[in-house]
Amino acid sequence: MKKLIIPSLLTVMLLVAAFIGPGHAQSTANDLKPTFISPTPGLYVNGWPSFTVSYPKEWGEAPLLGPFSVFHVGVARPELPSSTYLPALTIVVFYVPLPLEDWAKWDMPMYLQAGTDIKVLSDKPSRLKDGTAAWEREIEYVSKISGRKVNDFGLMTKKGLVWVAIHLDDDKGRIGEDLKKIAYSLTFLQGREEPVKVPLDVRAFLEMYRVDVLSGDVRTMMAHFSDRFLWGGMGKAFVEPGLRNDPANQQGIISFEPTVTVFEPRGDKAYVDGFWLRKAKGDADAVKIPMFFQQISKENGQWKWFGNQK
């Protein structure tokens, strides 16, 4: 489903379609707010699916690299362009009905567009600390943008049919254990899928959007997006073709039920996260897909999707 010139493979990929200490104990994990609402240096907290990733707390937040990129931090180095961070961590959340071992079907074509001298240095199944199935691979390439040789370590796992991909990029050769430790800090949080209460007007907004999605009329769906909408730097013009090309929309969606798991009002805006339980014609079962757009904005008395801009 799935602006800046940054010499990193992840930029092209996403535009084409000291570690945290024991102070963040697992016993308080359910009290953590998503990073978008309440940033904690050294710890990324995702809304839904709910997970955390630890990283060096001195790394600085960088611009998102595309609409499915939910977090990007790294080291700004004076010899590189101001928009470039290496080493860097990028977290990507997207929906694609593929098994983990088929990762190359999704992103290898993008490597071929983004780089030359591409070498797959490792490619194997793995597991997270809690035993969750994962897949890891490391790719070396020469960026067509910068001419710099970069290594990209990817750790991919799934929550249902939703992929969570952790990318560590560096230009110092093979990715070391220090960076791999960041990827393997990925921890899914339990007990954070229960619905939360939202105001009646927000519930009405979600219901209107639900009805228009079921209608299949993309133009009507787009009326629910603010003209100021931005998602990873991409405006609403990016969303419309994505909706039109979504196989589920082409098949026809017969069920689309919202569950809000995180809600935080902020004046004329609000953070909304959770999932849609979606079933398309021909699907055996309904699937959970992220709400993705994260914020809504009240404009002329009507709520609209606003995106993940700050």
C-alpha atoms as a PDB file:
ATOM      1  CA  MET A   1       0.000   0.000   0.000  1.00  0.00           C
ATOM      2  CA  LYS A   2       3.587   1.010   1.771  1.00  0.00           C
ATOM      3  CA  LYS A   3      11.706  17.085  -0.794  1.00  0.00           C
ATOM      4  CA  LEU A   4      14.854  16.260   0.733  1.00  0.00           C
ATOM      5  CA  ILE A   5      18.141  15.318  -0.956  1.00  0.00           C
ATOM      6  CA  ILE A   6      19.690  12.796   1.424  1.00  0.00           C
ATOM      7  CA  PRO A   7      22.495  10.480   0.202  1.00  0.00           C
ATOM      8  CA  SER A   8      20.872   7.388   1.701  1.00  0.00           C
ATOM      9  CA  LEU A   9      19.161   4.472   0.005  1.00  0.00           C
ATOM     10  CA  LEU A  10      16.205   4.806   2.368  1.00  0.00           C
ATOM     11  CA  THR A  11      15.333   8.216   0.923  1.00  0.00           C
ATOM     12  CA  VAL A  12      14.798   6.802  -2.543  1.00  0.00           C
ATOM     13  CA  MET A  13      13.169   3.625  -1.210  1.00  0.00           C
ATOM     14  CA  LEU A  14      10.561   5.481   0.780  1.00  0.00           C
ATOM     15  CA  LEU A  15       9.849   8.287  -1.651  1.00  0.00           C
ATOM     16  CA  VAL A  16       9.330   5.788  -4.435  1.00  0.00           C
ATOM     17  CA  ALA A  17       6.420   3.956  -2.935  1.00  0.00           C
ATOM     18  CA  ALA A  18      25.321   5.331  24.472  1.00  0.00           C
ATOM     19  CA  PHE A  19      22.087   3.155  24.609  1.00  0.00           C
ATOM     20  CA  ILE A  20      19.043   3.824  26.713  1.00  0.00           C
ATOM     21  CA  GLY A  21      19.653   2.688  30.292  1.00  0.00           C
ATOM     22  CA  PRO A  22      17.633   0.638  32.754  1.00  0.00           C
ATOM     23  CA  GLY A  23      15.591   3.673  33.710  1.00  0.00           C
ATOM     24  CA  HIS A  24      13.075   2.608  31.009  1.00  0.00           C
ATOM     25  CA  ALA A  25      12.083  -0.576  32.766  1.00  0.00           C
ATOM     26  CA  GLN A  26       9.678  -2.953  31.078  1.00  0.00           C
ATOM     27  CA  SER A  27       7.415  -2.773  34.113  1.00  0.00           C
ATOM     28  CA  THR A  28       6.437   0.776  33.137  1.00  0.00           C
ATOM     29  CA  ALA A  29       6.122   0.058  29.404  1.00  0.00           C
ATOM     30  CA  ASN A  30       2.339   0.359  29.366  1.00  0.00           C
ATOM     31  CA  ASP A  31       2.602   3.889  30.784  1.00  0.00           C
ATOM     32  CA  LEU A  32       4.766   5.098  27.880  1.00  0.00           C
ATOM     33  CA  LYS A  33       3.218   7.532  25.429  1.00  0.00           C
ATOM     34  CA  PRO A  34       4.084   7.340  21.728  1.00  0.00           C
ATOM     35  CA  THR A  35       7.170   9.333  20.766  1.00  0.00           C
ATOM     36  CA  PHE A  36       5.079  11.592  18.528  1.00  0.00           C
ATOM     37  CA  ILE A  37       3.252  12.812  21.650  1.00  0.00           C
ATOM     38  CA  SER A  38       5.995  12.692  24.272  1.00  0.00           C
ATOM     39  CA  PRO A  39       9.589  12.196  23.004  1.00  0.00           C
ATOM     40  CA  THR A  40      12.074  10.403  25.256  1.00  0.00           C
ATOM     41  CA  PRO A  41      15.719  10.657  24.073  1.00  0.00           C
ATOM     42  CA  GLY A  42      17.058   7.176  23.460  1.00  0.00           C
ATOM     43  CA  LEU A  43      13.695   5.423  23.225  1.00  0.00           C
ATOM     44  CA  TYR A  44      11.231   5.283  20.339  1.00  0.00           C
ATOM     45  CA  VAL A  45       7.659   4.300  21.239  1.00  0.00           C
ATOM     46  CA  ASN A  46       5.224   3.483  18.427  1.00  0.00           C
ATOM     47  CA  GLY A  47       1.471   3.949  18.789  1.00  0.00           C
ATOM     48  CA  TRP A  48       0.108   0.976  16.835  1.00  0.00           C
ATOM     49  CA  PRO A  49       1.403  -1.608  16.475  1.00  0.00           C
ATOM     50  CA  SER A  50       2.814  -0.854  19.893  1.00  0.00           C
ATOM     51  CA  PHE A  51       6.574  -1.387  20.171  1.00  0.00           C
ATOM     52  CA  THR A  52       9.751   0.262  21.392  1.00  0.00           C
ATOM     53  CA  VAL A  53      13.263   0.590  19.972  1.00  0.00           C
ATOM     54  CA  SER A  54      16.249   1.808  21.995  1.00  0.00           C
ATOM     55  CA  TYR A  55      19.015   3.878  20.393  1.00  0.00           C
ATOM     56  CA  PRO A  56      21.913   6.114  21.540  1.00  0.00           C
ATOM     57  CA  LYS A  57      20.241   9.013  23.308  1.00  0.00           C
ATOM     58  CA  GLU A  58      22.700  11.535  21.885  1.00  0.00           C
ATOM     59  CA  TRP A  59      21.517  10.836  18.334  1.00  0.00           C
ATOM     60  CA  GLY A  60      19.467  13.681  16.909  1.00  0.00           C
ATOM     61  CA  GLU A  61      16.042  13.456  15.284  1.00  0.00           C
ATOM     62  CA  ALA A  62      16.129  13.862  11.530  1.00  0.00           C
ATOM     63  CA  PRO A  63      13.433  14.544   8.892  1.00  0.00           C
ATOM     64  CA  LEU A  64      11.300  11.548   7.983  1.00  0.00           C
ATOM     65  CA  LEU A  65      12.364   9.861   4.766  1.00  0.00           C
ATOM     66  CA  GLY A  66       8.957   9.139   3.310  1.00  0.00           C
ATOM     67  CA  PRO A  67       5.344   8.382   4.195  1.00  0.00           C
ATOM     68  CA  PHE A  68       5.919   4.951   5.744  1.00  0.00           C
ATOM     69  CA  SER A  69       8.934   6.129   7.732  1.00  0.00           C
ATOM     70  CA  VAL A  70       7.742   6.752  11.291  1.00  0.00           C
ATOM     71  CA  PHE A  71      11.077   7.691  12.906  1.00  0.00           C
ATOM     72  CA  HIS A  72      14.541   8.767  11.793  1.00  0.00           C
ATOM     73  CA  VAL A  73      17.493   9.662  14.032  1.00  0.00           C
ATOM     74  CA  GLY A  74      21.248   9.642  13.606  1.00  0.00           C
ATOM     75  CA  VAL A  75      24.541  11.489  13.779  1.00  0.00           C
ATOM     76  CA  ALA A  76      24.926  14.753  11.871  1.00  0.00           C
ATOM     77  CA  ARG A  77      28.523  15.003  10.651  1.00  0.00           C
ATOM     78  CA  PRO A  78      30.091  18.281   9.499  1.00  0.00           C
ATOM     79  CA  GLU A  79      31.707  16.739   6.406  1.00  0.00           C
ATOM     80  CA  LEU A  80      28.319  15.589   5.092  1.00  0.00           C
ATOM     81  CA  PRO A  81      25.396  17.698   3.817  1.00  0.00           C
ATOM     82  CA  SER A  82      23.308  19.174   6.627  1.00  0.00           C
ATOM     83  CA  SER A  83      20.383  16.889   5.858  1.00  0.00           C
ATOM     84  CA  THR A  84      22.499  13.730   6.075  1.00  0.00           C
ATOM     85  CA  TYR A  85      22.768  11.588   9.215  1.00  0.00           C
ATOM     86  CA  LEU A  86      25.209   8.642   9.383  1.00  0.00           C
ATOM     87  CA  PRO A  87      25.088   6.337  11.205  1.00  0.00           C
ATOM     88  CA  ALA A  88      21.312   6.517  11.214  1.00  0.00           C
ATOM     89  CA  LEU A  89      18.269   4.606  12.385  1.00  0.00           C
ATOM     90  CA  THR A  90      15.069   4.588  10.343  1.00  0.00           C
ATOM     91  CA  ILE A  91      11.893   2.802  11.427  1.00  0.00           C
ATOM     92  CA  VAL A  92       9.318   1.918   8.795  1.00  0.00           C
ATOM     93  CA  VAL A  93       5.771   0.594   9.334  1.00  0.00           C
ATOM     94  CA  PHE A  94       3.754  -0.562   6.341  1.00  0.00           C
ATOM     95  CA  TYR A  95       1.198  -3.119   5.208  1.00  0.00           C
ATOM     96  CA  VAL A  96       2.012  -5.691   2.547  1.00  0.00           C
ATOM     97  CA  PRO A  97       0.662  -9.266   2.337  1.00  0.00           C
ATOM     98  CA  LEU A  98       4.011 -10.991   1.873  1.00  0.00           C
ATOM     99  CA  PRO A  99       5.952 -13.427   4.078  1.00  0.00           C
ATOM    100  CA  LEU A 100       9.194 -12.167   5.637  1.00  0.00           C
ATOM    101  CA  GLU A 101      11.409 -14.245   3.372  1.00  0.00           C
ATOM    102  CA  ASP A 102       9.947 -12.404   0.351  1.00  0.00           C
ATOM    103  CA  TRP A 103      11.304  -9.021   1.483  1.00  0.00           C
ATOM    104  CA  ALA A 104      13.272  -8.700  -1.756  1.00  0.00           C
ATOM    105  CA  LYS A 105      10.073  -8.617  -3.829  1.00  0.00           C
ATOM    106  CA  TRP A 106       9.195  -5.372  -2.074  1.00  0.00           C
ATOM    107  CA  ASP A 107      12.454  -3.494  -1.771  1.00  0.00           C
ATOM    108  CA  MET A 108      15.109  -5.030  -4.049  1.00  0.00           C
ATOM    109  CA  PRO A 109      13.717  -3.193  -7.111  1.00  0.00           C
ATOM    110  CA  MET A 110      14.199   0.021  -5.133  1.00  0.00           C
ATOM    111  CA  TYR A 111      17.828  -0.854  -4.390  1.00  0.00           C
ATOM    112  CA  LEU A 112      18.350  -1.308  -8.130  1.00  0.00           C
ATOM    113  CA  GLN A 113      16.958   2.169  -8.773  1.00  0.00           C
ATOM    114  CA  ALA A 114      18.862   3.787  -5.924  1.00  0.00           C
ATOM    115  CA  GLY A 115      22.320   2.273  -6.142  1.00  0.00           C
ATOM    116  CA  THR A 116      24.995   0.502  -8.115  1.00  0.00           C
ATOM    117  CA  ASP A 117      27.465  -2.242  -7.186  1.00  0.00           C
ATOM    118  CA  ILE A 118      24.772  -3.826  -4.993  1.00  0.00           C
ATOM    119  CA  LYS A 119      25.918  -6.750  -2.882  1.00  0.00           C
ATOM    120  CA  VAL A 120      23.805  -8.828  -0.506  1.00  0.00           C
ATOM    121  CA  LEU A 121      26.231  -9.537   2.328  1.00  0.00           C
ATOM    122  CA  SER A 122      23.833 -11.478   4.546  1.00  0.00           C
ATOM    123  CA  ASP A 123      20.268 -12.726   4.196  1.00  0.00           C
ATOM    124  CA  LYS A 124      18.806 -15.078   6.777  1.00  0.00           C
ATOM    125  CA  PRO A 125      15.917 -15.779   9.146  1.00  0.00           C
ATOM    126  CA  SER A 126      16.201 -14.540  12.696  1.00  0.00           C
ATOM    127  CA  ARG A 127      14.156 -13.939  15.860  1.00  0.00           C
ATOM    128  CA  LEU A 128      13.541 -11.051  18.231  1.00  0.00           C
ATOM    129  CA  LYS A 129      14.397 -11.353  21.928  1.00  0.00           C
ATOM    130  CA  ASP A 130      10.900 -12.665  22.682  1.00  0.00           C
ATOM    131  CA  GLY A 131      11.078 -15.319  19.956  1.00  0.00           C
ATOM    132  CA  THR A 132       9.025 -13.420  17.353  1.00  0.00           C
ATOM    133  CA  ALA A 133       9.993 -14.479  13.830  1.00  0.00           C
ATOM    134  CA  ALA A 134      12.142 -11.937  11.980  1.00  0.00           C
ATOM    135  CA  TRP A 135      14.416 -11.675   8.973  1.00  0.00           C
ATOM    136  CA  GLU A 136      17.749  -9.887   8.782  1.00  0.00           C
ATOM    137  CA  ARG A 137      19.875  -8.873   5.867  1.00  0.00           C
ATOM    138  CA  GLU A 138      22.756  -6.528   5.084  1.00  0.00           C
ATOM    139  CA  ILE A 139      23.247  -4.862   1.728  1.00  0.00           C
ATOM    140  CA  GLU A 140      26.191  -2.843   0.466  1.00  0.00           C
ATOM    141  CA  TYR A 141      25.657  -0.407  -2.379  1.00  0.00           C
ATOM    142  CA  VAL A 142      27.031   2.765  -3.933  1.00  0.00           C
ATOM    143  CA  SER A 143      24.473   5.549  -3.847  1.00  0.00           C
ATOM    144  CA  LYS A 144      23.615   7.036  -7.227  1.00  0.00           C
ATOM    145  CA  ILE A 145      22.973  10.328  -5.444  1.00  0.00           C
ATOM    146  CA  SER A 146      26.147  10.753  -3.403  1.00  0.00           C
ATOM    147  CA  GLY A 147      28.575   8.197  -4.846  1.00  0.00           C
ATOM    148  CA  ARG A 148      29.228   7.117  -1.246  1.00  0.00           C
ATOM    149  CA  LYS A 149      29.394   3.424  -0.348  1.00  0.00           C
ATOM    150  CA  VAL A 150      26.793   2.687   2.288  1.00  0.00           C
ATOM    151  CA  ASN A 151      25.889  -0.444   4.207  1.00  0.00           C
ATOM    152  CA  ASP A 152      22.254  -0.972   5.161  1.00  0.00           C
ATOM    153  CA  PHE A 153      21.317  -3.500   7.874  1.00  0.00           C
ATOM    154  CA  GLY A 154      17.628  -4.364   7.895  1.00  0.00           C
ATOM    155  CA  LEU A 155      15.673  -6.288  10.501  1.00  0.00           C
ATOM    156  CA  MET A 156      12.106  -7.066   9.416  1.00  0.00           C
ATOM    157  CA  THR A 157       9.322  -8.550  11.482  1.00  0.00           C
ATOM    158  CA  LYS A 158       5.526  -8.637  11.355  1.00  0.00           C
ATOM    159  CA  LYS A 159       2.518  -7.953  13.556  1.00  0.00           C
ATOM    160  CA  GLY A 160      -0.166  -9.838  11.708  1.00  0.00           C
ATOM    161  CA  LEU A 161       0.217  -8.566   8.138  1.00  0.00           C
ATOM    162  CA  VAL A 162       1.847  -5.283   9.208  1.00  0.00           C
ATOM    163  CA  TRP A 163       5.593  -5.105   8.646  1.00  0.00           C
ATOM    164  CA  VAL A 164       7.958  -3.319  11.018  1.00  0.00           C
ATOM    165  CA  ALA A 165      11.353  -2.710   9.428  1.00  0.00           C
ATOM    166  CA  ILE A 166      14.367  -1.377  11.339  1.00  0.00           C
ATOM    167  CA  HIS A 167      17.115   0.046   9.129  1.00  0.00           C
ATOM    168  CA  LEU A 168      20.631   0.956  10.309  1.00  0.00           C
ATOM    169  CA  ASP A 169      22.737   2.808   7.729  1.00  0.00           C
ATOM    170  CA  ASP A 170      26.435   3.622   7.953  1.00  0.00           C
ATOM    171  CA  ASP A 171      29.298   4.401   5.600  1.00  0.00           C
ATOM    172  CA  LYS A 172      32.021   2.748   7.698  1.00  0.00           C
ATOM    173  CA  GLY A 173      31.867  -0.732   6.162  1.00  0.00           C
ATOM    174  CA  ARG A 174      30.146  -3.781   7.623  1.00  0.00           C
ATOM    175  CA  ILE A 175      27.480  -2.988  10.198  1.00  0.00           C
ATOM    176  CA  GLY A 176      28.859  -3.676  13.679  1.00  0.00           C
ATOM    177  CA  GLU A 177      27.278  -5.318  16.684  1.00  0.00           C
ATOM    178  CA  ASP A 178      26.660  -1.913  18.270  1.00  0.00           C
ATOM    179  CA  LEU A 179      24.243  -0.958  15.480  1.00  0.00           C
ATOM    180  CA  LYS A 180      22.716  -4.436  15.255  1.00  0.00           C
ATOM    181  CA  LYS A 181      21.952  -4.150  18.974  1.00  0.00           C
ATOM    182  CA  ILE A 182      19.737  -1.175  18.171  1.00  0.00           C
ATOM    183  CA  ALA A 183      17.725  -3.239  15.688  1.00  0.00           C
ATOM    184  CA  TYR A 184      17.355  -6.146  18.102  1.00  0.00           C
ATOM    185  CA  SER A 185      16.135  -3.867  20.869  1.00  0.00           C
ATOM    186  CA  LEU A 186      12.768  -3.938  19.059  1.00  0.00           C
ATOM    187  CA  THR A 187      10.190  -5.023  21.639  1.00  0.00           C
ATOM    188  CA  PHE A 188       6.452  -5.402  21.079  1.00  0.00           C
ATOM    189  CA  LEU A 189       4.405  -4.127  24.021  1.00  0.00           C
ATOM    190  CA  GLN A 190       1.540  -6.216  25.295  1.00  0.00           C
ATOM    191  CA  GLY A 191      -1.896  -5.083  26.443  1.00  0.00           C
ATOM    192  CA  ARG A 192      -2.041  -1.922  24.324  1.00  0.00           C
ATOM    193  CA  GLU A 193      -4.749  -2.833  21.813  1.00  0.00           C
ATOM    194  CA  GLU A 194      -7.753  -1.998  23.932  1.00  0.00           C
ATOM    195  CA  PRO A 195      -9.930   0.809  22.515  1.00  0.00           C
ATOM    196  CA  VAL A 196      -9.893   4.194  24.238  1.00  0.00           C
ATOM    197  CA  LYS A 197     -12.738   6.707  24.395  1.00  0.00           C
ATOM    198  CA  VAL A 198     -12.758   9.567  21.913  1.00  0.00           C
ATOM    199  CA  PRO A 199     -15.080  12.603  21.713  1.00  0.00           C
ATOM    200  CA  LEU A 200     -18.334  12.147  19.827  1.00  0.00           C
ATOM    201  CA  ASP A 201     -17.263  14.464  16.988  1.00  0.00           C
ATOM    202  CA  VAL A 202     -14.058  12.455  16.461  1.00  0.00           C
ATOM    203  CA  ARG A 203     -16.066   9.230  16.459  1.00  0.00           C
ATOM    204  CA  ALA A 204     -18.401  10.811  13.896  1.00  0.00           C
ATOM    205  CA  PHE A 205     -15.404  11.775  11.722  1.00  0.00           C
ATOM    206  CA  LEU A 206     -14.084   8.201  11.753  1.00  0.00           C
ATOM    207  CA  GLU A 207     -17.538   6.869  10.957  1.00  0.00           C
ATOM    208  CA  MET A 208     -17.929   9.221   7.974  1.00  0.00           C
ATOM    209  CA  TYR A 209     -14.518   8.204   6.674  1.00  0.00           C
ATOM    210  CA  ARG A 210     -15.435   4.537   7.169  1.00  0.00           C
ATOM    211  CA  VAL A 211     -18.631   4.935   5.147  1.00  0.00           C
ATOM    212  CA  ASP A 212     -16.799   6.697   2.312  1.00  0.00           C
ATOM    213  CA  VAL A 213     -14.107   3.995   2.208  1.00  0.00           C
ATOM    214  CA  LEU A 214     -16.845   1.368   1.894  1.00  0.00           C
ATOM    215  CA  SER A 215     -18.336   3.374  -0.998  1.00  0.00           C
ATOM    216  CA  GLY A 216     -15.095   2.985  -2.968  1.00  0.00           C
ATOM    217  CA  ASP A 217     -15.283   6.619  -4.084  1.00  0.00           C
ATOM    218  CA  VAL A 218     -11.691   7.869  -3.730  1.00  0.00           C
ATOM    219  CA  ARG A 219     -12.655  11.476  -4.466  1.00  0.00           C
ATOM    220  CA  THR A 220     -15.092  11.392  -1.549  1.00  0.00           C
ATOM    221  CA  MET A 221     -12.441   9.834   0.691  1.00  0.00           C
ATOM    222  CA  MET A 222     -10.032  12.649  -0.171  1.00  0.00           C
ATOM    223  CA  ALA A 223     -12.514  15.227   1.154  1.00  0.00           C
ATOM    224  CA  HIS A 224     -11.525  14.003   4.613  1.00  0.00           C
ATOM    225  CA  PHE A 225      -7.910  15.160   4.134  1.00  0.00           C
ATOM    226  CA  SER A 226      -6.748  18.658   5.022  1.00  0.00           C
ATOM    227  CA  ASP A 227      -5.240  20.739   2.229  1.00  0.00           C
ATOM    228  CA  ARG A 228      -2.311  21.141   4.647  1.00  0.00           C
ATOM    229  CA  PHE A 229      -1.949  17.378   5.056  1.00  0.00           C
ATOM    230  CA  LEU A 230       1.660  16.091   5.121  1.00  0.00           C
ATOM    231  CA  TRP A 231       2.734  12.485   5.620  1.00  0.00           C
ATOM    232  CA  GLY A 232       6.477  12.043   5.700  1.00  0.00           C
ATOM    233  CA  GLY A 233       6.770  15.229   3.686  1.00  0.00           C
ATOM    234  CA  MET A 234       4.239  14.092   1.065  1.00  0.00           C
ATOM    235  CA  GLY A 235       0.993  15.996   0.537  1.00  0.00           C
ATOM    236  CA  LYS A 236      -2.540  14.764  -0.102  1.00  0.00           C
ATOM    237  CA  ALA A 237      -1.776  14.498  -3.825  1.00  0.00           C
ATOM    238  CA  PHE A 238       0.435  11.547  -2.927  1.00  0.00           C
ATOM    239  CA  VAL A 239      -2.356   9.769  -1.052  1.00  0.00           C
ATOM    240  CA  GLU A 240      -4.991   9.781  -3.793  1.00  0.00           C
ATOM    241  CA  PRO A 241      -3.160   7.564  -6.326  1.00  0.00           C
ATOM    242  CA  GLY A 242      -2.170   5.280  -3.471  1.00  0.00           C
ATOM    243  CA  LEU A 243      -5.827   4.783  -2.572  1.00  0.00           C
ATOM    244  CA  ARG A 244      -6.787   4.244  -6.213  1.00  0.00           C
ATOM    245  CA  ASN A 245      -4.053   1.631  -6.703  1.00  0.00           C
ATOM    246  CA  ASP A 246      -4.706  -0.192  -3.431  1.00  0.00           C
ATOM    247  CA  PRO A 247      -5.758  -3.732  -4.446  1.00  0.00           C
ATOM    248  CA  ALA A 248      -8.281  -3.803  -1.573  1.00  0.00           C
ATOM    249  CA  ASN A 249     -10.034  -0.701  -2.898  1.00  0.00           C
ATOM    250  CA  GLN A 250     -10.041  -2.160  -6.407  1.00  0.00           C
ATOM    251  CA  GLN A 251     -11.552  -5.417  -5.145  1.00  0.00           C
ATOM    252  CA  GLY A 252     -14.088  -3.590  -3.030  1.00  0.00           C
ATOM    253  CA  ILE A 253     -13.949  -3.220   0.754  1.00  0.00           C
ATOM    254  CA  ILE A 254     -16.899  -4.770   2.568  1.00  0.00           C
ATOM    255  CA  SER A 255     -15.867  -4.094   6.176  1.00  0.00           C
ATOM    256  CA  PHE A 256     -13.782  -1.260   7.642  1.00  0.00           C
ATOM    257  CA  GLU A 257     -14.072  -0.858  11.407  1.00  0.00           C
ATOM    258  CA  PRO A 258     -11.928   1.581  13.441  1.00  0.00           C
ATOM    259  CA  THR A 259     -10.307   0.884  16.814  1.00  0.00           C
ATOM    260  CA  VAL A 260      -8.579   3.864  18.448  1.00  0.00           C
ATOM    261  CA  THR A 261      -5.876   2.742  20.891  1.00  0.00           C
ATOM    262  CA  VAL A 262      -4.256   6.154  21.515  1.00  0.00           C
ATOM    263  CA  PHE A 263      -5.976   9.544  21.587  1.00  0.00           C
ATOM    264  CA  GLU A 264      -4.520  12.861  22.729  1.00  0.00           C
ATOM    265  CA  PRO A 265      -6.294  16.178  22.078  1.00  0.00           C
ATOM    266  CA  ARG A 266      -4.132  19.210  21.299  1.00  0.00           C
ATOM    267  CA  GLY A 267      -6.366  22.226  20.806  1.00  0.00           C
ATOM    268  CA  ASP A 268      -7.579  22.255  17.202  1.00  0.00           C
ATOM    269  CA  LYS A 269      -5.551  19.103  16.521  1.00  0.00           C
ATOM    270  CA  ALA A 270      -5.492  15.638  18.015  1.00  0.00           C
ATOM    271  CA  TYR A 271      -3.243  12.595  17.843  1.00  0.00           C
ATOM    272  CA  VAL A 272      -5.193   9.489  16.813  1.00  0.00           C
ATOM    273  CA  ASP A 273      -3.622   6.053  16.488  1.00  0.00           C
ATOM    274  CA  GLY A 274      -4.924   2.536  16.240  1.00  0.00           C
ATOM    275  CA  PHE A 275      -6.058   0.243  13.466  1.00  0.00           C
ATOM    276  CA  TRP A 276      -8.763  -0.472  10.946  1.00  0.00           C
ATOM    277  CA  LEU A 277     -10.177  -3.991  10.810  1.00  0.00           C
ATOM    278  CA  ARG A 278     -10.557  -4.311   7.055  1.00  0.00           C
ATOM    279  CA  LYS A 279     -12.019  -7.010   4.843  1.00  0.00           C
ATOM    280  CA  ALA A 280     -12.094  -6.840   1.071  1.00  0.00           C
ATOM    281  CA  LYS A 281     -14.078  -8.983  -1.340  1.00  0.00           C
ATOM    282  CA  GLY A 282     -12.356 -12.329  -1.739  1.00  0.00           C
ATOM    283  CA  ASP A 283     -10.496 -12.094   1.574  1.00  0.00           C
ATOM    284  CA  ALA A 284     -10.898 -15.096   3.854  1.00  0.00           C
ATOM    285  CA  ASP A 285     -10.479 -12.984   6.996  1.00  0.00           C
ATOM    286  CA  ALA A 286     -10.430  -9.359   8.070  1.00  0.00           C
ATOM    287  CA  VAL A 287      -6.971  -7.879   8.639  1.00  0.00           C
ATOM    288  CA  LYS A 288      -5.676  -5.118  10.903  1.00  0.00           C
ATOM    289  CA  ILE A 289      -3.996  -2.208   9.143  1.00  0.00           C
ATOM    290  CA  PRO A 290      -2.554   0.898  10.841  1.00  0.00           C
ATOM    291  CA  MET A 291      -4.470   4.163  10.802  1.00  0.00           C
ATOM    292  CA  PHE A 292      -1.180   5.632   9.493  1.00  0.00           C
ATOM    293  CA  PHE A 293      -2.085   9.348   9.357  1.00  0.00           C
ATOM    294  CA  GLN A 294      -1.729   9.981  13.128  1.00  0.00           C
ATOM    295  CA  GLN A 295      -3.135  13.500  13.408  1.00  0.00           C
ATOM    296  CA  ILE A 296      -6.448  15.142  12.704  1.00  0.00           C
ATOM    297  CA  SER A 297      -7.100  18.875  12.500  1.00  0.00           C
ATOM    298  CA  LYS A 298     -10.384  20.729  13.042  1.00  0.00           C
ATOM    299  CA  GLU A 299     -11.011  23.073  10.115  1.00  0.00           C
ATOM    300  CA  ASN A 300     -14.248  25.067   9.820  1.00  0.00           C
ATOM    301  CA  GLY A 301     -15.775  22.829  12.453  1.00  0.00           C
ATOM    302  CA  GLN A 302     -14.851  19.578  10.656  1.00  0.00           C
ATOM    303  CA  TRP A 303     -12.112  17.106  11.550  1.00  0.00           C
ATOM    304  CA  LYS A 304      -9.720  16.163   8.743  1.00  0.00           C
ATOM    305  CA  TRP A 305      -6.645  13.957   8.445  1.00  0.00           C
ATOM    306  CA  PHE A 306      -3.571  16.147   9.032  1.00  0.00           C
ATOM    307  CA  GLY A 307      -0.671  13.656   8.812  1.00  0.00           C
ATOM    308  CA  ASN A 308       2.479  13.126  10.869  1.00  0.00           C
ATOM    309  CA  GLN A 309       3.899  16.640  10.605  1.00  0.00           C
ATOM    310  CA  LYS A 310       4.895  18.313  13.848  1.00  0.00           C
END
